[in-house]
Amino acid sequence: MVQAGVSPALGNAAVGFLVELTSARTAVVTGGLVCVVATLAVAAASPALRRARLTAPPAEVPRNASDARHAGTEVTDGSMP
């Protein structure tokens, strides 16, 4: 939890320092470039993270007509309910 509280403050201090040295526009562009470079570095360092997907796995398909009726789906194999 300390990281969540300290990180924004450190980022604000770094940007404020950069604004004092350069300009607001340069600070914003530099911050954006740093974010892109950091994202690419994390992606390069963890291939498993690159392969991760946020989609849900496909729903389980009912194995027989009884399962389909209980699941509330229509049975298309010609059997009677």
C-alpha atoms as a PDB file:
ATOM      1  CA  MET A   1       0.000   0.000   0.000  1.00  0.00           C
ATOM      2  CA  VAL A   2       2.926   2.341   0.523  1.00  0.00           C
ATOM      3  CA  GLN A   3       3.735   2.155  -3.193  1.00  0.00           C
ATOM      4  CA  ALA A   4       0.224   3.309  -4.130  1.00  0.00           C
ATOM      5  CA  GLY A   5       0.598   6.353  -1.914  1.00  0.00           C
ATOM      6  CA  VAL A   6       4.192   7.238  -2.708  1.00  0.00           C
ATOM      7  CA  SER A   7       4.298   6.648  -6.485  1.00  0.00           C
ATOM      8  CA  PRO A   8       2.008   9.531  -7.496  1.00  0.00           C
ATOM      9  CA  ALA A   9       3.893  11.907  -5.207  1.00  0.00           C
ATOM     10  CA  LEU A  10       7.238  10.876  -6.693  1.00  0.00           C
ATOM     11  CA  GLY A  11       5.855  11.234 -10.211  1.00  0.00           C
ATOM     12  CA  ASN A  12       4.507  14.683  -9.440  1.00  0.00           C
ATOM     13  CA  ALA A  13       7.836  15.728  -7.942  1.00  0.00           C
ATOM     14  CA  ALA A  14       9.756  14.443 -10.972  1.00  0.00           C
ATOM     15  CA  VAL A  15       7.470  16.266 -13.407  1.00  0.00           C
ATOM     16  CA  GLY A  16       7.634  19.432 -11.325  1.00  0.00           C
ATOM     17  CA  PHE A  17      11.425  19.267 -11.340  1.00  0.00           C
ATOM     18  CA  LEU A  18      11.463  18.725 -15.106  1.00  0.00           C
ATOM     19  CA  VAL A  19       9.087  21.656 -15.659  1.00  0.00           C
ATOM     20  CA  GLU A  20      11.433  23.895 -13.680  1.00  0.00           C
ATOM     21  CA  LEU A  21      14.362  22.832 -15.885  1.00  0.00           C
ATOM     22  CA  THR A  22      12.562  22.932 -19.240  1.00  0.00           C
ATOM     23  CA  SER A  23       8.905  23.696 -20.030  1.00  0.00           C
ATOM     24  CA  ALA A  24       5.510  22.120 -19.381  1.00  0.00           C
ATOM     25  CA  ARG A  25       5.302  20.830 -22.956  1.00  0.00           C
ATOM     26  CA  THR A  26       8.712  19.154 -22.720  1.00  0.00           C
ATOM     27  CA  ALA A  27       7.778  17.609 -19.379  1.00  0.00           C
ATOM     28  CA  VAL A  28       4.529  16.155 -20.778  1.00  0.00           C
ATOM     29  CA  VAL A  29       6.231  14.757 -23.895  1.00  0.00           C
ATOM     30  CA  THR A  30       9.079  13.315 -21.833  1.00  0.00           C
ATOM     31  CA  GLY A  31       6.629  11.726 -19.399  1.00  0.00           C
ATOM     32  CA  GLY A  32       4.744  10.114 -22.281  1.00  0.00           C
ATOM     33  CA  LEU A  33       7.948   8.763 -23.796  1.00  0.00           C
ATOM     34  CA  VAL A  34       9.046   7.379 -20.435  1.00  0.00           C
ATOM     35  CA  CYS A  35       5.680   5.581 -20.108  1.00  0.00           C
ATOM     36  CA  VAL A  36       6.025   4.036 -23.571  1.00  0.00           C
ATOM     37  CA  VAL A  37       9.606   2.930 -22.913  1.00  0.00           C
ATOM     38  CA  ALA A  38       8.653   1.476 -19.517  1.00  0.00           C
ATOM     39  CA  THR A  39       5.740  -0.436 -21.073  1.00  0.00           C
ATOM     40  CA  LEU A  40       7.996  -1.877 -23.776  1.00  0.00           C
ATOM     41  CA  ALA A  41      10.587  -2.854 -21.160  1.00  0.00           C
ATOM     42  CA  VAL A  42       8.002  -4.685 -19.051  1.00  0.00           C
ATOM     43  CA  ALA A  43       6.619  -6.418 -22.163  1.00  0.00           C
ATOM     44  CA  ALA A  44      10.103  -7.512 -23.201  1.00  0.00           C
ATOM     45  CA  ALA A  45      10.929  -8.765 -19.716  1.00  0.00           C
ATOM     46  CA  SER A  46       7.815 -10.931 -19.276  1.00  0.00           C
ATOM     47  CA  PRO A  47       6.618 -12.908 -22.308  1.00  0.00           C
ATOM     48  CA  ALA A  48       3.837 -14.534 -20.226  1.00  0.00           C
ATOM     49  CA  LEU A  49       2.344 -11.109 -19.611  1.00  0.00           C
ATOM     50  CA  ARG A  50       2.353 -10.389 -23.354  1.00  0.00           C
ATOM     51  CA  ARG A  51       0.456 -13.631 -24.027  1.00  0.00           C
ATOM     52  CA  ALA A  52      -2.177 -12.999 -21.334  1.00  0.00           C
ATOM     53  CA  ARG A  53      -5.713 -12.276 -22.511  1.00  0.00           C
ATOM     54  CA  LEU A  54      -8.476 -10.606 -20.565  1.00  0.00           C
ATOM     55  CA  THR A  55     -11.291 -12.460 -22.314  1.00  0.00           C
ATOM     56  CA  ALA A  56     -13.353 -15.072 -20.515  1.00  0.00           C
ATOM     57  CA  PRO A  57     -12.954 -18.713 -21.491  1.00  0.00           C
ATOM     58  CA  PRO A  58     -15.702 -20.071 -23.768  1.00  0.00           C
ATOM     59  CA  ALA A  59     -18.829 -21.380 -22.072  1.00  0.00           C
ATOM     60  CA  GLU A  60     -19.038 -25.113 -21.509  1.00  0.00           C
ATOM     61  CA  VAL A  61     -21.050 -26.892 -24.193  1.00  0.00           C
ATOM     62  CA  PRO A  62     -23.745 -29.283 -22.872  1.00  0.00           C
ATOM     63  CA  ARG A  63     -22.815 -32.931 -23.513  1.00  0.00           C
ATOM     64  CA  ASN A  64     -26.346 -34.291 -23.994  1.00  0.00           C
ATOM     65  CA  ALA A  65     -29.962 -33.219 -24.390  1.00  0.00           C
ATOM     66  CA  SER A  66     -30.656 -33.454 -20.656  1.00  0.00           C
ATOM     67  CA  ASP A  67     -27.800 -31.076 -19.865  1.00  0.00           C
ATOM     68  CA  ALA A  68     -28.999 -28.675 -22.567  1.00  0.00           C
ATOM     69  CA  ARG A  69     -32.567 -28.575 -21.216  1.00  0.00           C
ATOM     70  CA  HIS A  70     -31.298 -27.880 -17.717  1.00  0.00           C
ATOM     71  CA  ALA A  71     -28.982 -25.170 -18.989  1.00  0.00           C
ATOM     72  CA  GLY A  72     -31.871 -23.402 -20.709  1.00  0.00           C
ATOM     73  CA  THR A  73     -30.526 -23.924 -24.227  1.00  0.00           C
ATOM     74  CA  GLU A  74     -32.360 -25.280 -27.230  1.00  0.00           C
ATOM     75  CA  VAL A  75     -31.729 -28.922 -28.222  1.00  0.00           C
ATOM     76  CA  THR A  76     -31.178 -29.288 -31.959  1.00  0.00           C
ATOM     77  CA  ASP A  77     -30.614 -33.045 -32.222  1.00  0.00           C
ATOM     78  CA  GLY A  78     -34.294 -33.821 -32.869  1.00  0.00           C
ATOM     79  CA  SER A  79     -35.062 -35.243 -29.438  1.00  0.00           C
ATOM     80  CA  MET A  80     -38.289 -34.360 -27.681  1.00  0.00           C
ATOM     81  CA  PRO A  81     -38.184 -32.506 -24.357  1.00  0.00           C
END
